[in-house]
Amino acid sequence: MKPISIAQQGRLAALLSVIGSVLLVGCSTLEQGQLGQTASAVMGRDMFDAEQARALPYASLRMSHEGNTGLVVLAALSAPSSEAPARQELARFETADHAFVRLKDGLLGGTAGFASDLLDMQRDTLAVPADSASEQKAALPSTASPVAPWVLDTRHVLHYDVHSRWQRADGSEGYALGRAEWQCAPARPVALPLGTQSLAECQEKIRWQNGKVSTNHYGVADTDDDSLPPRVWKADVQPWPGAPRWSWEVARGWW
């Protein structure tokens, strides 16, 4: 699978918004105000079409939520800048009725338009153990951005705090604090919608203060640039205690 690069972002974002609407609406017509019905109305149980994803030369995900699966196309991308103090990538995947899933450096950062939505999910940064395979990342100078907690380290269990804020179906908000363990296994070939990638299988176990536990799974590939985080090719995430799960696999990459 050959990743694609993003150029002329403003024009591309507009184009992808239109393409995403065509792909996701299909034979149905959705009117404004139906955001709460996104999962059931837009992403039907068998709406993902690998051949359609292959034919479309734009970044896309195979996304699943509460038993429904569909093809979601990149609508906007804020790429990291080498001149910025913190190199962070924000990717927004939007559905036909303007519900969206936001990925922050490849991790779930927010949603809108579902029965309940993630408003924000933050992970504390940390220092990587000096004797780890990521030794160079741990030795970043003080002027560099902090190291993300989910570095690709197959030798150590990493620990950090997670802060999650969400909105319930009735409009009220919830907040949870948890302590996470992050551990990765050595890379192996993993089948994805449009091909196979060599990915490390990483597990994030979050023990929330209310006693519940969320176990999240990721398929991660490292990058050649030590200032950039690893690439998340697949994920299965419960972002707060008792939350529904969001799962996705990259069909076409945007890197």
Protein backbone atom coordinates (compact mmCIF):
# COMPACT_ATOMS: atom_id res chain seq x y z
CA MET A 1 0.00 0.00 0.00
CA LYS A 2 1.48 3.35 -1.01
CA PRO A 3 0.50 6.29 1.22
CA ILE A 4 -0.53 9.51 -0.53
CA SER A 5 0.69 12.96 0.33
CA ILE A 6 -1.48 16.00 1.01
CA ALA A 7 -0.93 19.11 -1.12
CA GLN A 8 -2.94 22.29 -1.60
CA GLN A 9 -4.87 21.51 1.55
CA GLY A 10 -7.63 24.13 1.25
CA ARG A 11 -8.69 23.02 -2.23
CA LEU A 12 -8.35 19.34 -1.32
CA ALA A 13 -10.42 19.70 1.84
CA ALA A 14 -13.29 21.23 -0.11
CA LEU A 15 -13.08 18.52 -2.74
CA LEU A 16 -13.04 15.74 -0.17
CA SER A 17 -16.09 17.18 1.58
CA VAL A 18 -18.05 16.81 -1.64
CA ILE A 19 -16.68 13.36 -2.38
CA GLY A 20 -17.39 12.25 1.17
CA SER A 21 -21.02 13.29 0.79
CA VAL A 22 -21.36 11.31 -2.43
CA LEU A 23 -19.78 8.22 -0.92
CA LEU A 24 -21.69 8.18 2.33
CA VAL A 25 -25.18 9.22 1.30
CA GLY A 26 -25.60 6.53 -1.34
CA CYS A 27 -29.30 6.21 -2.18
CA SER A 28 -30.45 7.96 0.99
CA THR A 29 -31.13 11.64 1.51
CA LEU A 30 -30.20 13.13 4.87
CA GLU A 31 -31.41 16.54 5.93
CA GLN A 32 -29.73 18.94 8.32
CA GLY A 33 -30.50 18.27 11.96
CA GLN A 34 -30.16 14.48 11.74
CA LEU A 35 -26.75 14.38 13.39
CA GLY A 36 -27.98 12.13 16.19
CA GLN A 37 -28.85 9.49 13.60
CA THR A 38 -25.42 9.40 11.96
CA ALA A 39 -24.36 5.94 13.08
CA SER A 40 -27.58 4.26 12.00
CA ALA A 41 -28.50 6.35 8.96
CA VAL A 42 -25.14 7.08 7.34
CA MET A 43 -23.00 4.07 8.19
CA GLY A 44 -25.04 1.03 7.33
CA ARG A 45 -23.83 -2.34 8.52
CA ASP A 46 -22.24 -3.31 5.20
CA MET A 47 -21.58 0.03 3.52
CA PHE A 48 -17.80 -0.29 3.26
CA ASP A 49 -16.74 -1.12 -0.30
CA ALA A 50 -13.04 -1.92 -0.70
CA GLU A 51 -13.12 -1.46 -4.46
CA GLN A 52 -14.71 1.93 -4.08
CA ALA A 53 -12.06 2.90 -1.54
CA ARG A 54 -9.35 1.65 -3.88
CA ALA A 55 -10.71 3.66 -6.80
CA LEU A 56 -10.88 6.87 -4.78
CA PRO A 57 -7.41 8.51 -4.77
CA TYR A 58 -7.98 10.30 -1.46
CA ALA A 59 -7.35 9.50 2.17
CA SER A 60 -10.07 7.39 3.79
CA LEU A 61 -10.93 5.15 6.73
CA ARG A 62 -13.04 2.07 7.21
CA MET A 63 -14.86 3.16 10.35
CA SER A 64 -17.16 1.20 12.67
CA HIS A 65 -19.36 2.39 15.52
CA GLU A 66 -22.01 0.44 17.42
CA GLY A 67 -22.17 -2.34 14.82
CA ASN A 68 -22.28 -0.05 11.78
CA THR A 69 -19.44 0.23 9.26
CA GLY A 70 -18.77 2.65 6.43
CA LEU A 71 -16.20 4.44 4.31
CA VAL A 72 -15.27 7.88 5.71
CA VAL A 73 -13.21 10.35 3.67
CA LEU A 74 -10.74 12.95 4.91
CA ALA A 75 -12.36 16.41 4.95
CA ALA A 76 -9.63 18.54 6.55
CA LEU A 77 -6.02 18.13 7.59
CA SER A 78 -3.79 20.32 9.71
CA ALA A 79 -0.34 18.92 9.03
CA PRO A 80 2.51 19.35 11.54
CA SER A 81 4.95 22.17 10.87
CA SER A 82 8.66 21.79 11.50
CA GLU A 83 8.70 25.37 12.78
CA ALA A 84 5.91 24.90 15.34
CA PRO A 85 6.84 24.30 19.01
CA ALA A 86 4.65 21.16 19.06
CA ARG A 87 4.31 19.12 15.89
CA GLN A 88 0.72 17.94 16.01
CA GLU A 89 -1.39 16.57 13.18
CA LEU A 90 -5.17 16.99 13.25
CA ALA A 91 -7.20 14.99 10.73
CA ARG A 92 -10.98 15.41 10.43
CA PHE A 93 -13.09 12.74 8.77
CA GLU A 94 -16.60 13.96 8.03
CA THR A 95 -19.83 12.15 7.15
CA ALA A 96 -22.47 13.30 4.70
CA ASP A 97 -24.55 15.09 7.34
CA HIS A 98 -21.49 16.80 8.83
CA ALA A 99 -20.91 14.49 11.77
CA PHE A 100 -17.19 13.90 12.21
CA VAL A 101 -14.40 11.99 13.88
CA ARG A 102 -11.23 13.92 14.70
CA LEU A 103 -7.88 12.16 14.99
CA LYS A 104 -5.07 13.91 16.87
CA ASP A 105 -1.70 12.45 15.89
CA GLY A 106 -3.62 9.34 14.86
CA LEU A 107 -5.45 8.95 18.19
CA LEU A 108 -9.13 9.66 18.75
CA GLY A 109 -9.44 13.29 19.82
CA GLY A 110 -13.14 14.08 19.40
CA THR A 111 -16.42 13.26 17.67
CA ALA A 112 -19.66 15.09 16.87
CA GLY A 113 -23.02 13.94 15.57
CA PHE A 114 -23.33 10.62 17.37
CA ALA A 115 -25.74 9.68 20.17
CA SER A 116 -22.96 10.50 22.64
CA ASP A 117 -19.76 12.31 21.68
CA LEU A 118 -16.18 12.60 22.81
CA LEU A 119 -15.42 16.28 23.39
CA ASP A 120 -11.75 15.87 24.21
CA MET A 121 -9.24 13.20 25.22
CA GLN A 122 -5.82 14.22 26.49
CA ARG A 123 -2.84 12.08 27.40
CA ASP A 124 -0.02 13.42 29.57
CA THR A 125 3.37 13.43 27.93
CA LEU A 126 6.30 11.59 29.46
CA ALA A 127 9.98 10.79 29.12
CA VAL A 128 10.85 7.54 27.40
CA PRO A 129 13.14 5.17 29.40
CA ALA A 130 16.73 5.97 28.39
CA ASP A 131 17.59 2.34 27.65
CA SER A 132 14.59 1.79 25.35
CA ALA A 133 14.55 1.36 21.61
CA SER A 134 13.33 4.96 21.46
CA GLU A 135 16.46 6.27 23.20
CA GLN A 136 16.97 9.04 20.68
CA LYS A 137 13.46 10.35 21.27
CA ALA A 138 14.06 10.39 25.03
CA ALA A 139 17.14 12.52 24.49
CA LEU A 140 15.31 15.34 22.73
CA PRO A 141 16.72 18.78 23.62
CA SER A 142 14.75 21.01 25.98
CA THR A 143 13.62 23.18 23.06
CA ALA A 144 11.83 20.25 21.40
CA SER A 145 8.21 19.31 21.97
CA PRO A 146 7.44 16.75 24.71
CA VAL A 147 7.48 13.07 23.81
CA ALA A 148 4.03 11.59 23.24
CA PRO A 149 3.07 8.87 25.76
CA TRP A 150 2.32 6.32 23.06
CA VAL A 151 5.77 6.00 21.48
CA LEU A 152 6.50 2.72 19.76
CA ASP A 153 8.41 0.95 22.53
CA THR A 154 8.27 -2.85 22.52
CA ARG A 155 10.48 -3.28 25.61
CA HIS A 156 8.72 -1.29 28.31
CA VAL A 157 5.31 -0.68 29.78
CA LEU A 158 4.71 3.07 29.75
CA HIS A 159 2.47 4.85 32.25
CA TYR A 160 0.61 8.17 31.96
CA ASP A 161 -2.64 9.90 32.90
CA VAL A 162 -5.65 10.22 30.59
CA HIS A 163 -8.26 12.99 30.79
CA SER A 164 -11.54 12.40 28.95
CA ARG A 165 -14.54 14.71 28.53
CA TRP A 166 -17.72 13.71 26.71
CA GLN A 167 -21.31 14.77 26.04
CA ARG A 168 -24.24 12.48 26.75
CA ALA A 169 -27.35 12.14 24.59
CA ASP A 170 -29.26 14.49 26.91
CA GLY A 171 -26.64 17.21 26.45
CA SER A 172 -25.01 16.86 29.86
CA GLU A 173 -21.25 16.45 30.08
CA GLY A 174 -19.08 13.89 31.81
CA TYR A 175 -15.43 13.91 32.83
CA ALA A 176 -13.12 11.08 33.81
CA LEU A 177 -9.50 10.76 34.86
CA GLY A 178 -7.62 7.51 34.44
CA ARG A 179 -4.18 5.98 34.71
CA ALA A 180 -3.02 4.22 31.55
CA GLU A 181 -0.54 1.49 30.71
CA TRP A 182 0.81 1.39 27.14
CA GLN A 183 2.60 -1.70 25.83
CA CYS A 184 3.51 -2.76 22.30
CA ALA A 185 4.39 -6.14 20.82
CA PRO A 186 6.93 -6.54 17.97
CA ALA A 187 5.65 -5.71 14.50
CA ARG A 188 4.01 -8.32 12.31
CA PRO A 189 2.07 -8.24 9.01
CA VAL A 190 -1.52 -7.04 9.50
CA ALA A 191 -4.24 -7.11 6.83
CA LEU A 192 -5.88 -3.74 6.16
CA PRO A 193 -8.69 -2.78 3.77
CA LEU A 194 -6.38 -2.10 0.80
CA GLY A 195 -3.31 -4.15 1.61
CA THR A 196 -0.96 -5.35 4.33
CA GLN A 197 1.26 -3.33 6.65
CA SER A 198 3.89 -4.35 9.19
CA LEU A 199 2.40 -3.08 12.46
CA ALA A 200 3.20 -3.32 16.14
CA GLU A 201 0.11 -4.26 18.12
CA CYS A 202 -0.16 -1.84 21.03
CA GLN A 203 -2.54 -2.03 23.97
CA GLU A 204 -3.63 0.89 26.10
CA LYS A 205 -5.28 -0.17 29.35
CA ILE A 206 -6.92 2.73 31.20
CA ARG A 207 -7.98 2.26 34.81
CA TRP A 208 -10.49 5.01 35.49
CA GLN A 209 -10.96 6.54 38.92
CA ASN A 210 -14.49 5.11 39.13
CA GLY A 211 -13.07 1.58 39.00
CA LYS A 212 -13.92 0.79 35.37
CA VAL A 213 -11.31 -0.28 32.85
CA SER A 214 -11.07 0.54 29.13
CA THR A 215 -8.75 -1.57 26.97
CA ASN A 216 -7.89 0.06 23.65
CA HIS A 217 -6.03 -1.56 20.77
CA TYR A 218 -3.86 0.02 18.08
CA GLY A 219 -1.86 -1.08 15.05
CA VAL A 220 1.17 1.21 14.87
CA ALA A 221 4.06 1.74 12.45
CA ASP A 222 7.07 3.87 13.32
CA THR A 223 8.24 6.78 11.17
CA ASP A 224 11.70 7.68 9.89
CA ASP A 225 11.38 11.13 11.49
CA ASP A 226 12.07 11.08 15.25
CA SER A 227 10.20 14.38 15.69
CA LEU A 228 6.94 12.81 14.47
CA PRO A 229 4.79 10.30 16.36
CA PRO A 230 4.26 6.77 15.05
CA ARG A 231 1.50 6.21 12.49
CA VAL A 232 -1.71 4.61 13.75
CA TRP A 233 -3.10 2.42 10.97
CA LYS A 234 -5.90 0.82 12.97
CA ALA A 235 -7.57 1.37 16.33
CA ASP A 236 -10.39 0.14 18.55
CA VAL A 237 -11.10 2.66 21.30
CA GLN A 238 -13.41 3.15 24.27
CA PRO A 239 -12.65 6.79 25.12
CA TRP A 240 -14.41 7.05 28.49
CA PRO A 241 -15.82 4.62 31.10
CA GLY A 242 -18.67 2.61 29.60
CA ALA A 243 -18.52 4.46 26.27
CA PRO A 244 -19.45 2.88 22.93
CA ARG A 245 -16.40 1.92 20.90
CA TRP A 246 -15.04 3.67 17.83
CA SER A 247 -12.95 1.48 15.52
CA TRP A 248 -11.18 2.32 12.27
CA GLU A 249 -8.63 1.06 9.80
CA VAL A 250 -6.79 3.28 7.35
CA ALA A 251 -7.79 2.49 3.78
CA ARG A 252 -5.70 5.16 2.05
CA GLY A 253 -3.16 7.02 4.16
CA TRP A 254 -2.58 10.78 4.05
CA TRP A 255 1.09 10.77 5.08
